[in-house]
Amino acid sequence: SQDIAMGVDKAIENRESNSIFKTLIATFLVAVCIVAANWQFHRGQARHKFNSLIEANVLKPPLTELPKDILQNEWRSISLNGSFIAGKDLLQRNSYRDGKYGFEYLTKFISSNRIIWVDRGWVQAGANASIKPSLPETPTDQVRIEGRIRSGSSLVQGRYFALPTTVSNTKFRVDLLKINGEQISNPAELPELSDGPH
């Protein structure tokens, strides 16, 4: 009978230990869920705020000079006079249109003694990786460009087709829409504004 009593006591101790362990695990999982929910909520709020900023900026009248605060003016229209710098081109990889692989074609542009990157639109890739795609001709005269301001975070180093130039640090670029009033082919598209499943 003493052995039976000891066995019962041991079983009770094991059950209590398991209960404490399970309680700790459950508490930990609840804490993780709360942290994840808060993170998702704040992420959704930030996304909504950014989308609202884009919607407002798209409707504002065009700027005629580069703003000091790029992020607060992202996707806002801008009109600049200046000239493209021949031979200073980039092809940004991993760009698709209608299921076709291609590049965003960027060229340096000088306006009011400031040099900026201008995204001149999408071009379809060549037949293979060693063939440079067909590129639109670069104007050599002074031109007036119309486009949208973009933050430089989209210019990621190391994602470019090998052309004779390098990527320097930049805080912004302009997505081109028109040159001297004429619409370009395949301009950069506005982002899809969705708050996502938050």
N, C-alpha and C. Protein backbone atom coordinates (compact mmCIF):
# COMPACT_ATOMS: atom_id res chain seq x y z
N SER A 1 0.83 -1.21 0.00
CA SER A 1 0.00 0.00 0.00
C SER A 1 0.86 1.26 0.00
N GLN A 2 2.02 1.16 0.65
CA GLN A 2 2.94 2.30 0.67
C GLN A 2 3.46 2.59 -0.73
N ASP A 3 3.75 1.51 -1.49
CA ASP A 3 4.23 1.70 -2.87
C ASP A 3 3.16 2.34 -3.74
N ILE A 4 1.91 1.93 -3.48
CA ILE A 4 0.81 2.52 -4.26
C ILE A 4 0.67 4.00 -3.96
N ALA A 5 0.78 4.35 -2.67
CA ALA A 5 0.68 5.77 -2.28
C ALA A 5 1.80 6.59 -2.90
N MET A 6 3.03 6.04 -2.91
CA MET A 6 4.17 6.75 -3.51
C MET A 6 3.95 6.94 -5.01
N GLY A 7 3.38 5.91 -5.62
CA GLY A 7 3.12 6.02 -7.06
C GLY A 7 2.10 7.09 -7.37
N VAL A 8 1.07 7.15 -6.52
CA VAL A 8 0.04 8.18 -6.71
C VAL A 8 0.63 9.57 -6.54
N ASP A 9 1.47 9.74 -5.49
CA ASP A 9 2.10 11.04 -5.25
C ASP A 9 2.99 11.45 -6.42
N LYS A 10 3.73 10.50 -6.96
CA LYS A 10 4.62 10.79 -8.10
C LYS A 10 3.82 11.18 -9.33
N ALA A 11 2.70 10.48 -9.53
CA ALA A 11 1.86 10.80 -10.69
C ALA A 11 1.29 12.21 -10.57
N ILE A 12 0.91 12.57 -9.32
CA ILE A 12 0.37 13.92 -9.09
C ILE A 12 1.44 14.97 -9.36
N GLU A 13 2.70 14.71 -8.89
CA GLU A 13 3.81 15.64 -9.12
C GLU A 13 4.08 15.82 -10.61
N ASN A 14 4.08 14.69 -11.35
CA ASN A 14 4.32 14.76 -12.79
C ASN A 14 3.22 15.56 -13.50
N ARG A 15 1.98 15.34 -13.05
CA ARG A 15 0.86 16.04 -13.65
C ARG A 15 0.97 17.53 -13.40
N GLU A 16 1.37 17.89 -12.16
CA GLU A 16 1.54 19.31 -11.83
C GLU A 16 2.67 19.94 -12.65
N SER A 17 3.77 19.19 -12.82
CA SER A 17 4.90 19.70 -13.61
C SER A 17 4.48 19.92 -15.05
N ASN A 18 3.73 18.95 -15.60
CA ASN A 18 3.25 19.08 -16.98
C ASN A 18 2.30 20.27 -17.12
N SER A 19 1.45 20.46 -16.11
CA SER A 19 0.50 21.58 -16.15
C SER A 19 1.24 22.91 -16.14
N ILE A 20 2.27 23.04 -15.31
CA ILE A 20 3.06 24.27 -15.25
C ILE A 20 3.77 24.52 -16.58
N PHE A 21 4.33 23.46 -17.16
CA PHE A 21 5.04 23.57 -18.44
C PHE A 21 4.08 24.00 -19.55
N LYS A 22 2.90 23.37 -19.57
CA LYS A 22 1.91 23.73 -20.58
C LYS A 22 1.42 25.15 -20.40
N THR A 23 1.27 25.58 -19.16
CA THR A 23 0.84 26.96 -18.89
C THR A 23 1.87 27.97 -19.39
N LEU A 24 3.17 27.66 -19.15
CA LEU A 24 4.24 28.54 -19.62
C LEU A 24 4.25 28.64 -21.14
N ILE A 25 4.08 27.51 -21.81
CA ILE A 25 4.05 27.50 -23.28
C ILE A 25 2.87 28.32 -23.78
N ALA A 26 1.70 28.10 -23.18
CA ALA A 26 0.50 28.83 -23.59
C ALA A 26 0.68 30.34 -23.39
N THR A 27 1.28 30.72 -22.25
CA THR A 27 1.52 32.15 -21.98
C THR A 27 2.47 32.75 -23.00
N PHE A 28 3.51 31.98 -23.34
CA PHE A 28 4.48 32.46 -24.32
C PHE A 28 3.81 32.64 -25.69
N LEU A 29 2.98 31.68 -26.10
CA LEU A 29 2.31 31.77 -27.39
C LEU A 29 1.34 32.95 -27.44
N VAL A 30 0.65 33.20 -26.35
CA VAL A 30 -0.26 34.34 -26.28
C VAL A 30 0.52 35.65 -26.44
N ALA A 31 1.68 35.74 -25.76
CA ALA A 31 2.51 36.94 -25.85
C ALA A 31 3.00 37.15 -27.29
N VAL A 32 3.43 36.06 -27.94
CA VAL A 32 3.89 36.15 -29.33
C VAL A 32 2.77 36.63 -30.24
N CYS A 33 1.58 36.10 -30.06
CA CYS A 33 0.42 36.51 -30.86
C CYS A 33 0.10 37.99 -30.68
N ILE A 34 0.19 38.47 -29.42
CA ILE A 34 -0.08 39.89 -29.15
C ILE A 34 0.94 40.78 -29.84
N VAL A 35 2.22 40.41 -29.75
CA VAL A 35 3.28 41.19 -30.40
C VAL A 35 3.09 41.19 -31.91
N ALA A 36 2.80 40.01 -32.49
CA ALA A 36 2.60 39.91 -33.93
C ALA A 36 1.40 40.73 -34.39
N ALA A 37 0.34 40.71 -33.60
CA ALA A 37 -0.87 41.47 -33.96
C ALA A 37 -0.59 42.98 -33.95
N ASN A 38 0.15 43.43 -32.94
CA ASN A 38 0.51 44.85 -32.86
C ASN A 38 1.38 45.27 -34.03
N TRP A 39 2.34 44.40 -34.36
CA TRP A 39 3.24 44.69 -35.50
C TRP A 39 2.44 44.79 -36.79
N GLN A 40 1.52 43.85 -37.01
CA GLN A 40 0.69 43.85 -38.21
C GLN A 40 -0.20 45.08 -38.26
N PHE A 41 -0.73 45.47 -37.11
CA PHE A 41 -1.60 46.64 -37.05
C PHE A 41 -0.84 47.91 -37.41
N HIS A 42 0.34 48.10 -36.81
CA HIS A 42 1.14 49.29 -37.09
C HIS A 42 1.65 49.29 -38.53
N ARG A 43 1.96 48.12 -39.04
CA ARG A 43 2.38 47.99 -40.44
C ARG A 43 1.25 48.42 -41.38
N GLY A 44 0.04 47.99 -41.06
CA GLY A 44 -1.12 48.38 -41.86
C GLY A 44 -1.36 49.88 -41.81
N GLN A 45 -1.19 50.47 -40.62
CA GLN A 45 -1.37 51.91 -40.47
C GLN A 45 -0.34 52.68 -41.30
N ALA A 46 0.92 52.23 -41.25
CA ALA A 46 1.98 52.89 -42.00
C ALA A 46 1.72 52.79 -43.50
N ARG A 47 1.25 51.62 -43.94
CA ARG A 47 0.94 51.43 -45.36
C ARG A 47 -0.20 52.34 -45.80
N HIS A 48 -1.23 52.43 -44.96
CA HIS A 48 -2.37 53.30 -45.28
C HIS A 48 -1.93 54.76 -45.36
N LYS A 49 -1.08 55.18 -44.44
CA LYS A 49 -0.59 56.56 -44.44
C LYS A 49 0.21 56.86 -45.70
N PHE A 50 1.07 55.90 -46.11
CA PHE A 50 1.88 56.08 -47.32
C PHE A 50 0.99 56.14 -48.55
N ASN A 51 -0.01 55.25 -48.63
CA ASN A 51 -0.92 55.25 -49.77
C ASN A 51 -1.70 56.56 -49.86
N SER A 52 -2.12 57.08 -48.71
CA SER A 52 -2.86 58.34 -48.69
C SER A 52 -1.96 59.48 -49.17
N LEU A 53 -0.67 59.43 -48.80
CA LEU A 53 0.28 60.45 -49.25
C LEU A 53 0.43 60.41 -50.76
N ILE A 54 0.55 59.20 -51.33
CA ILE A 54 0.69 59.06 -52.78
C ILE A 54 -0.55 59.61 -53.49
N GLU A 55 -1.74 59.22 -53.01
CA GLU A 55 -2.98 59.68 -53.62
C GLU A 55 -3.07 61.20 -53.62
N ALA A 56 -2.66 61.82 -52.51
CA ALA A 56 -2.70 63.28 -52.41
C ALA A 56 -1.66 63.92 -53.33
N ASN A 57 -0.45 63.36 -53.39
CA ASN A 57 0.62 63.93 -54.20
C ASN A 57 0.33 63.85 -55.70
N VAL A 58 -0.31 62.76 -56.13
CA VAL A 58 -0.63 62.60 -57.54
C VAL A 58 -1.58 63.71 -58.01
N LEU A 59 -2.44 64.19 -57.13
CA LEU A 59 -3.43 65.21 -57.49
C LEU A 59 -2.91 66.64 -57.37
N LYS A 60 -1.75 66.81 -56.77
CA LYS A 60 -1.20 68.17 -56.59
C LYS A 60 -0.64 68.71 -57.90
N PRO A 61 -0.60 70.04 -58.06
CA PRO A 61 -0.03 70.62 -59.29
C PRO A 61 1.47 70.30 -59.38
N PRO A 62 2.00 70.26 -60.60
CA PRO A 62 3.42 69.90 -60.78
C PRO A 62 4.36 70.92 -60.14
N LEU A 63 5.45 70.42 -59.60
CA LEU A 63 6.52 71.29 -59.12
C LEU A 63 7.38 71.72 -60.31
N THR A 64 8.08 72.84 -60.15
CA THR A 64 8.97 73.30 -61.22
C THR A 64 10.43 73.30 -60.77
N GLU A 65 10.66 72.82 -59.57
CA GLU A 65 12.04 72.63 -59.09
C GLU A 65 12.04 71.49 -58.08
N LEU A 66 13.21 70.92 -57.86
CA LEU A 66 13.32 69.77 -56.98
C LEU A 66 13.06 70.19 -55.53
N PRO A 67 12.20 69.45 -54.83
CA PRO A 67 11.89 69.81 -53.44
C PRO A 67 12.99 69.34 -52.49
N LYS A 68 13.03 69.95 -51.32
CA LYS A 68 14.00 69.53 -50.30
C LYS A 68 13.58 68.21 -49.65
N ASP A 69 12.29 68.06 -49.42
CA ASP A 69 11.78 66.84 -48.79
C ASP A 69 11.24 65.90 -49.86
N ILE A 70 12.07 64.93 -50.26
CA ILE A 70 11.70 64.01 -51.34
C ILE A 70 10.58 63.07 -50.90
N LEU A 71 10.69 62.49 -49.71
CA LEU A 71 9.73 61.49 -49.27
C LEU A 71 8.32 62.06 -49.17
N GLN A 72 8.19 63.29 -48.72
CA GLN A 72 6.87 63.90 -48.60
C GLN A 72 6.29 64.30 -49.96
N ASN A 73 7.12 64.27 -51.01
CA ASN A 73 6.67 64.63 -52.35
C ASN A 73 6.76 63.46 -53.33
N GLU A 74 6.94 62.25 -52.79
CA GLU A 74 7.07 61.09 -53.67
C GLU A 74 5.82 60.91 -54.52
N TRP A 75 6.03 60.63 -55.80
CA TRP A 75 5.01 60.43 -56.83
C TRP A 75 4.33 61.74 -57.25
N ARG A 76 4.78 62.88 -56.74
CA ARG A 76 4.22 64.15 -57.20
C ARG A 76 4.81 64.50 -58.56
N SER A 77 4.00 65.14 -59.40
CA SER A 77 4.47 65.54 -60.74
C SER A 77 5.49 66.67 -60.63
N ILE A 78 6.42 66.67 -61.59
CA ILE A 78 7.45 67.71 -61.63
C ILE A 78 7.80 68.00 -63.08
N SER A 79 8.11 69.25 -63.36
CA SER A 79 8.49 69.67 -64.71
C SER A 79 9.84 70.39 -64.61
N LEU A 80 10.83 69.91 -65.38
CA LEU A 80 12.18 70.46 -65.30
C LEU A 80 12.75 70.74 -66.68
N ASN A 81 13.56 71.79 -66.78
CA ASN A 81 14.33 72.06 -68.00
C ASN A 81 15.76 71.60 -67.78
N GLY A 82 16.36 71.04 -68.81
CA GLY A 82 17.74 70.58 -68.70
C GLY A 82 18.13 69.72 -69.87
N SER A 83 19.13 68.88 -69.66
CA SER A 83 19.61 68.02 -70.75
C SER A 83 20.08 66.68 -70.20
N PHE A 84 19.90 65.64 -71.02
CA PHE A 84 20.39 64.32 -70.67
C PHE A 84 21.89 64.25 -70.88
N ILE A 85 22.56 63.42 -70.07
CA ILE A 85 24.00 63.24 -70.19
C ILE A 85 24.25 61.96 -70.98
N ALA A 86 24.71 62.10 -72.20
CA ALA A 86 24.90 60.95 -73.09
C ALA A 86 25.90 59.97 -72.50
N GLY A 87 25.59 58.68 -72.61
CA GLY A 87 26.50 57.64 -72.14
C GLY A 87 26.38 57.31 -70.68
N LYS A 88 25.52 58.03 -69.97
CA LYS A 88 25.31 57.76 -68.54
C LYS A 88 23.96 57.06 -68.36
N ASP A 89 23.94 55.78 -68.68
CA ASP A 89 22.70 55.02 -68.70
C ASP A 89 22.77 53.80 -67.78
N LEU A 90 21.60 53.38 -67.32
CA LEU A 90 21.46 52.16 -66.53
C LEU A 90 20.24 51.39 -67.00
N LEU A 91 20.31 50.08 -66.87
CA LEU A 91 19.14 49.23 -67.12
C LEU A 91 18.85 48.48 -65.83
N GLN A 92 17.75 48.83 -65.19
CA GLN A 92 17.39 48.19 -63.93
C GLN A 92 16.67 46.88 -64.22
N ARG A 93 17.19 45.80 -63.64
CA ARG A 93 16.68 44.47 -63.93
C ARG A 93 15.37 44.15 -63.22
N ASN A 94 14.85 42.95 -63.57
CA ASN A 94 13.67 42.39 -62.90
C ASN A 94 12.43 43.26 -63.04
N SER A 95 12.20 43.73 -64.25
CA SER A 95 11.01 44.52 -64.53
C SER A 95 10.17 43.80 -65.58
N TYR A 96 8.90 43.55 -65.27
CA TYR A 96 8.02 42.81 -66.17
C TYR A 96 6.84 43.67 -66.61
N ARG A 97 6.46 43.53 -67.88
CA ARG A 97 5.26 44.17 -68.42
C ARG A 97 4.52 43.15 -69.28
N ASP A 98 3.27 42.94 -68.97
CA ASP A 98 2.45 42.00 -69.74
C ASP A 98 3.12 40.63 -69.87
N GLY A 99 3.77 40.19 -68.80
CA GLY A 99 4.41 38.88 -68.80
C GLY A 99 5.74 38.82 -69.51
N LYS A 100 6.24 39.96 -70.00
CA LYS A 100 7.51 39.98 -70.72
C LYS A 100 8.60 40.57 -69.83
N TYR A 101 9.80 39.98 -69.90
CA TYR A 101 10.91 40.44 -69.08
C TYR A 101 11.60 41.62 -69.75
N GLY A 102 12.00 42.60 -68.93
CA GLY A 102 12.69 43.76 -69.48
C GLY A 102 13.40 44.56 -68.40
N PHE A 103 13.63 45.82 -68.69
CA PHE A 103 14.39 46.71 -67.81
C PHE A 103 13.72 48.07 -67.73
N GLU A 104 13.97 48.77 -66.62
CA GLU A 104 13.68 50.19 -66.55
C GLU A 104 14.94 50.90 -67.05
N TYR A 105 14.77 51.80 -68.01
CA TYR A 105 15.90 52.47 -68.66
C TYR A 105 16.12 53.84 -68.02
N LEU A 106 17.27 54.01 -67.35
CA LEU A 106 17.57 55.25 -66.64
C LEU A 106 18.75 55.98 -67.28
N THR A 107 18.63 57.31 -67.34
CA THR A 107 19.70 58.16 -67.88
C THR A 107 19.89 59.35 -66.95
N LYS A 108 21.14 59.76 -66.79
CA LYS A 108 21.41 60.95 -65.97
C LYS A 108 20.94 62.21 -66.70
N PHE A 109 20.44 63.15 -65.89
CA PHE A 109 19.86 64.39 -66.42
C PHE A 109 20.37 65.54 -65.56
N ILE A 110 20.77 66.64 -66.22
CA ILE A 110 21.25 67.79 -65.46
C ILE A 110 20.26 68.94 -65.60
N SER A 111 19.86 69.49 -64.44
CA SER A 111 18.92 70.60 -64.41
C SER A 111 19.32 71.54 -63.28
N SER A 112 19.49 72.81 -63.61
CA SER A 112 19.90 73.82 -62.61
C SER A 112 21.13 73.36 -61.84
N ASN A 113 22.10 72.83 -62.57
CA ASN A 113 23.39 72.37 -62.02
C ASN A 113 23.25 71.19 -61.06
N ARG A 114 22.13 70.50 -61.09
CA ARG A 114 21.95 69.29 -60.29
C ARG A 114 21.77 68.10 -61.22
N ILE A 115 22.46 67.01 -60.89
CA ILE A 115 22.38 65.80 -61.71
C ILE A 115 21.47 64.79 -61.02
N ILE A 116 20.51 64.28 -61.77
CA ILE A 116 19.56 63.32 -61.23
C ILE A 116 19.42 62.16 -62.21
N TRP A 117 18.92 61.03 -61.69
CA TRP A 117 18.58 59.90 -62.55
C TRP A 117 17.15 60.07 -63.02
N VAL A 118 16.91 59.82 -64.31
CA VAL A 118 15.57 59.86 -64.88
C VAL A 118 15.25 58.49 -65.44
N ASP A 119 14.15 57.91 -64.96
CA ASP A 119 13.67 56.63 -65.48
C ASP A 119 12.89 56.92 -66.76
N ARG A 120 13.47 56.51 -67.90
CA ARG A 120 12.88 56.83 -69.20
C ARG A 120 11.89 55.77 -69.68
N GLY A 121 11.52 54.85 -68.79
CA GLY A 121 10.50 53.88 -69.14
C GLY A 121 11.03 52.47 -69.29
N TRP A 122 10.12 51.57 -69.60
CA TRP A 122 10.42 50.14 -69.70
C TRP A 122 10.86 49.78 -71.12
N VAL A 123 11.88 48.93 -71.22
CA VAL A 123 12.31 48.40 -72.51
C VAL A 123 12.38 46.89 -72.40
N GLN A 124 12.00 46.21 -73.47
CA GLN A 124 12.02 44.75 -73.46
C GLN A 124 13.45 44.24 -73.57
N ALA A 125 13.73 43.14 -72.88
CA ALA A 125 15.07 42.55 -72.88
C ALA A 125 15.41 42.00 -74.25
N GLY A 126 16.74 41.84 -74.50
CA GLY A 126 17.20 41.25 -75.74
C GLY A 126 16.91 39.76 -75.77
N ALA A 127 17.33 39.12 -76.86
CA ALA A 127 17.05 37.68 -77.04
C ALA A 127 17.71 36.84 -75.96
N ASN A 128 18.87 37.29 -75.45
CA ASN A 128 19.53 36.61 -74.34
C ASN A 128 20.26 37.64 -73.49
N ALA A 129 20.86 37.18 -72.39
CA ALA A 129 21.46 38.09 -71.40
C ALA A 129 22.65 38.88 -71.94
N SER A 130 23.28 38.41 -73.01
CA SER A 130 24.46 39.10 -73.54
C SER A 130 24.11 40.17 -74.57
N ILE A 131 22.85 40.25 -74.96
CA ILE A 131 22.42 41.21 -75.98
C ILE A 131 21.72 42.39 -75.31
N LYS A 132 22.25 43.59 -75.53
CA LYS A 132 21.64 44.79 -74.98
C LYS A 132 20.33 45.08 -75.71
N PRO A 133 19.29 45.44 -75.01
CA PRO A 133 18.01 45.71 -75.67
C PRO A 133 18.06 46.97 -76.53
N SER A 134 17.07 47.09 -77.40
CA SER A 134 16.95 48.28 -78.22
C SER A 134 16.51 49.45 -77.35
N LEU A 135 17.29 50.53 -77.36
CA LEU A 135 17.03 51.67 -76.47
C LEU A 135 16.60 52.89 -77.28
N PRO A 136 15.69 53.69 -76.72
CA PRO A 136 15.31 54.92 -77.43
C PRO A 136 16.48 55.90 -77.51
N GLU A 137 16.46 56.70 -78.53
CA GLU A 137 17.54 57.67 -78.73
C GLU A 137 17.50 58.73 -77.63
N THR A 138 18.69 59.14 -77.19
CA THR A 138 18.79 60.15 -76.14
C THR A 138 18.89 61.54 -76.75
N PRO A 139 17.98 62.46 -76.42
CA PRO A 139 18.07 63.83 -76.95
C PRO A 139 19.39 64.49 -76.55
N THR A 140 19.94 65.27 -77.46
CA THR A 140 21.21 65.96 -77.17
C THR A 140 21.00 67.44 -76.85
N ASP A 141 19.84 67.97 -77.17
CA ASP A 141 19.56 69.39 -76.92
C ASP A 141 18.90 69.58 -75.56
N GLN A 142 18.72 70.84 -75.20
CA GLN A 142 17.96 71.17 -74.00
C GLN A 142 16.51 70.71 -74.19
N VAL A 143 15.95 70.12 -73.16
CA VAL A 143 14.58 69.64 -73.24
C VAL A 143 13.83 70.00 -71.96
N ARG A 144 12.53 69.86 -72.05
CA ARG A 144 11.68 70.01 -70.87
C ARG A 144 11.07 68.65 -70.59
N ILE A 145 11.31 68.14 -69.39
CA ILE A 145 10.78 66.83 -69.03
C ILE A 145 9.67 66.98 -67.99
N GLU A 146 8.71 66.09 -68.08
CA GLU A 146 7.64 66.00 -67.09
C GLU A 146 7.63 64.58 -66.54
N GLY A 147 7.55 64.46 -65.24
CA GLY A 147 7.58 63.13 -64.65
C GLY A 147 7.08 63.15 -63.22
N ARG A 148 7.41 62.08 -62.50
CA ARG A 148 7.01 61.97 -61.09
C ARG A 148 8.24 61.74 -60.23
N ILE A 149 8.25 62.36 -59.07
CA ILE A 149 9.38 62.25 -58.15
C ILE A 149 9.34 60.89 -57.45
N ARG A 150 10.49 60.23 -57.39
CA ARG A 150 10.61 58.97 -56.68
C ARG A 150 11.79 59.04 -55.71
N SER A 151 11.66 58.38 -54.58
CA SER A 151 12.78 58.32 -53.65
C SER A 151 13.87 57.42 -54.22
N GLY A 152 15.11 57.67 -53.85
CA GLY A 152 16.22 56.91 -54.39
C GLY A 152 16.34 55.51 -53.86
N SER A 153 15.45 55.12 -52.93
CA SER A 153 15.53 53.76 -52.37
C SER A 153 15.28 52.70 -53.43
N SER A 154 14.65 53.09 -54.55
CA SER A 154 14.40 52.12 -55.61
C SER A 154 15.61 51.89 -56.49
N LEU A 155 16.66 52.72 -56.33
CA LEU A 155 17.91 52.50 -57.07
C LEU A 155 18.82 51.63 -56.22
N VAL A 156 18.68 50.33 -56.37
CA VAL A 156 19.43 49.39 -55.54
C VAL A 156 20.69 48.94 -56.28
N GLN A 157 21.83 49.13 -55.67
CA GLN A 157 23.09 48.79 -56.32
C GLN A 157 23.19 47.27 -56.53
N GLY A 158 23.74 46.89 -57.69
CA GLY A 158 23.96 45.48 -57.97
C GLY A 158 22.84 44.81 -58.72
N ARG A 159 21.87 45.58 -59.21
CA ARG A 159 20.76 44.99 -59.94
C ARG A 159 20.68 45.57 -61.35
N TYR A 160 21.82 45.80 -61.97
CA TYR A 160 21.83 46.49 -63.24
C TYR A 160 22.56 45.72 -64.33
N PHE A 161 22.08 45.89 -65.56
CA PHE A 161 22.74 45.36 -66.74
C PHE A 161 24.06 46.11 -66.90
N ALA A 162 25.09 45.40 -67.35
CA ALA A 162 26.44 45.99 -67.44
C ALA A 162 26.50 47.05 -68.55
N LEU A 163 26.43 48.31 -68.16
CA LEU A 163 26.62 49.43 -69.07
C LEU A 163 27.76 50.28 -68.53
N PRO A 164 28.40 51.10 -69.38
CA PRO A 164 29.60 51.84 -68.95
C PRO A 164 29.31 53.01 -68.04
N THR A 165 28.76 52.72 -66.84
CA THR A 165 28.56 53.76 -65.84
C THR A 165 28.39 53.08 -64.49
N THR A 166 28.39 53.85 -63.43
CA THR A 166 28.23 53.29 -62.09
C THR A 166 27.07 53.98 -61.39
N VAL A 167 26.56 53.34 -60.35
CA VAL A 167 25.46 53.92 -59.58
C VAL A 167 26.06 54.70 -58.41
N SER A 168 25.81 55.98 -58.38
CA SER A 168 26.26 56.78 -57.25
C SER A 168 25.10 56.95 -56.29
N ASN A 169 25.41 57.28 -55.06
CA ASN A 169 24.35 57.47 -54.07
C ASN A 169 23.41 58.60 -54.49
N THR A 170 22.15 58.37 -54.40
CA THR A 170 21.18 59.38 -54.78
C THR A 170 19.97 59.29 -53.87
N LYS A 171 19.34 60.42 -53.61
CA LYS A 171 18.19 60.44 -52.71
C LYS A 171 16.88 60.38 -53.49
N PHE A 172 16.94 60.52 -54.81
CA PHE A 172 15.71 60.55 -55.59
C PHE A 172 16.00 60.27 -57.05
N ARG A 173 14.91 60.07 -57.79
CA ARG A 173 14.97 60.00 -59.25
C ARG A 173 13.64 60.54 -59.76
N VAL A 174 13.52 60.69 -61.06
CA VAL A 174 12.27 61.14 -61.69
C VAL A 174 11.83 60.07 -62.68
N ASP A 175 10.58 59.62 -62.53
CA ASP A 175 9.99 58.70 -63.51
C ASP A 175 9.42 59.55 -64.64
N LEU A 176 10.00 59.44 -65.82
CA LEU A 176 9.65 60.29 -66.95
C LEU A 176 8.28 59.95 -67.53
N LEU A 177 7.52 60.98 -67.87
CA LEU A 177 6.24 60.83 -68.55
C LEU A 177 6.27 61.46 -69.94
N LYS A 178 6.83 62.68 -70.02
CA LYS A 178 6.85 63.39 -71.30
C LYS A 178 8.19 64.09 -71.52
N ILE A 179 8.59 64.20 -72.80
CA ILE A 179 9.74 65.01 -73.21
C ILE A 179 9.23 66.04 -74.20
N ASN A 180 9.40 67.31 -73.85
CA ASN A 180 8.90 68.41 -74.69
C ASN A 180 7.43 68.22 -75.04
N GLY A 181 6.66 67.78 -74.07
CA GLY A 181 5.22 67.64 -74.25
C GLY A 181 4.77 66.36 -74.91
N GLU A 182 5.70 65.51 -75.36
CA GLU A 182 5.33 64.26 -76.03
C GLU A 182 5.45 63.08 -75.06
N GLN A 183 4.38 62.29 -74.98
CA GLN A 183 4.35 61.13 -74.09
C GLN A 183 5.39 60.10 -74.53
N ILE A 184 6.14 59.53 -73.58
CA ILE A 184 7.11 58.50 -73.92
C ILE A 184 6.41 57.14 -73.96
N SER A 185 7.08 56.16 -74.55
CA SER A 185 6.54 54.80 -74.59
C SER A 185 6.83 54.09 -73.27
N ASN A 186 5.87 53.34 -72.79
CA ASN A 186 6.03 52.50 -71.60
C ASN A 186 6.60 53.23 -70.39
N PRO A 187 5.96 54.32 -69.94
CA PRO A 187 6.48 55.01 -68.75
C PRO A 187 6.30 54.15 -67.50
N ALA A 188 7.05 54.49 -66.46
CA ALA A 188 6.92 53.78 -65.18
C ALA A 188 5.49 53.94 -64.67
N GLU A 189 4.94 52.87 -64.12
CA GLU A 189 3.54 52.87 -63.71
C GLU A 189 3.38 53.27 -62.24
N LEU A 190 2.24 53.85 -61.94
CA LEU A 190 1.91 54.14 -60.55
C LEU A 190 1.75 52.83 -59.79
N PRO A 191 2.10 52.80 -58.51
CA PRO A 191 1.96 51.57 -57.74
C PRO A 191 0.50 51.25 -57.48
N GLU A 192 0.23 49.97 -57.25
CA GLU A 192 -1.12 49.56 -56.87
C GLU A 192 -1.33 49.92 -55.41
N LEU A 193 -2.27 50.79 -55.14
CA LEU A 193 -2.47 51.29 -53.79
C LEU A 193 -3.45 50.39 -53.04
N SER A 194 -2.90 49.54 -52.20
CA SER A 194 -3.70 48.63 -51.39
C SER A 194 -3.10 48.57 -50.00
N ASP A 195 -3.96 48.61 -49.00
CA ASP A 195 -3.49 48.49 -47.61
C ASP A 195 -3.15 47.06 -47.27
N GLY A 196 -3.53 46.12 -48.13
CA GLY A 196 -3.19 44.72 -47.89
C GLY A 196 -4.06 44.09 -46.81
N PRO A 197 -3.85 42.81 -46.54
CA PRO A 197 -4.67 42.08 -45.56
C PRO A 197 -4.20 42.33 -44.13
N HIS A 198 -4.42 43.56 -43.62
CA HIS A 198 -3.98 43.89 -42.26
C HIS A 198 -5.16 43.96 -41.32
